[in-house]
Amino acid sequence: MLPATPDSLTLDVKRIAAISLDLDDTLWPIWPTIERAERVLHAWLMREAPRTANLLVTPGVLRELREATAKERSDLAHDLSALRRESIRAALKRSGEDPALAEPAFDIFFAERQRVELYDDALPALKWLSERYPLVAVSNGNADVHRTGVGRWFRSAFNAREFGSGKPHAPIFRAAAASVGLLPKDVLHVGDDAALDVVGALGAGMQAAWLVRDERPWEHDARPQLVVPNLHALCVALQAGGA
């Protein structure tokens, strides 16, 4: 198990000319946001499509439909918005209600999904980091940096849906570096997902910091240059390394 404490022994701070950041579970916890958005969606369906709402009354049913849709529509694997919309459409069809309601229903869900509650360390860290490095958001999720309120800290933002592919594949990391005029070797990527964020970034030629807010085992051969328990610790490690 890698320790969830700052350790910049292998991190080459002098090389870092920009930082790319994951969003969900890095700047805010994602599941409280999704669960609240699903409750708001269910309330809307109770008014507009009650049979579908009754189908989905059991917690997790919509998520199960979404997973089934993901298996059936592998072409949408990089597009969480489309998967969510199609899962709602599947529920409407199963209930015998108008599948066209999937569009406004998704809009209700999506608006609520942008109402995130940042971790306490997120805003101070974004301010500190953005004063020293250009920041780029790199996410497989469908959060919008501007609608979530963090857009002012970022020079650019990439998500899998708009880009056409996501993490851990190298192109999205390379595009993030190129958006601020750099090569991947000059960028530090920070994220919570060991495979998508750390292994993906390392494979693209970046340095990587694993943000692990709880103790979890490291299960990959490639290892991050830095492990931190929160974003404040990231800033401390960068400052200690000469940032």
Foldseek 3Di string as FASTA:
>chain_A
DDDQAWDLPLPQLVLAAAEEEEDDPFFFDQPVLLVVLVVQLLVVCCVVPVLLSVVCVPPPPLVVLLVVLCVVPVQCVLPSLVSSLVSSLVSCVVSVHDSVVSVVSSVSSLLSSLQTDTDPVNPVLLVLRLVRHAYEYFYSDDHDCVSNPNVVSHPYYDYRVVVVHHFLAQPSLQVRQVSVPHGQCNYEYEDADLRRTQVSSVVNNHAYEHAHLDDDDRDDPDDHSTRHNHSVSVSVSSVVSPD
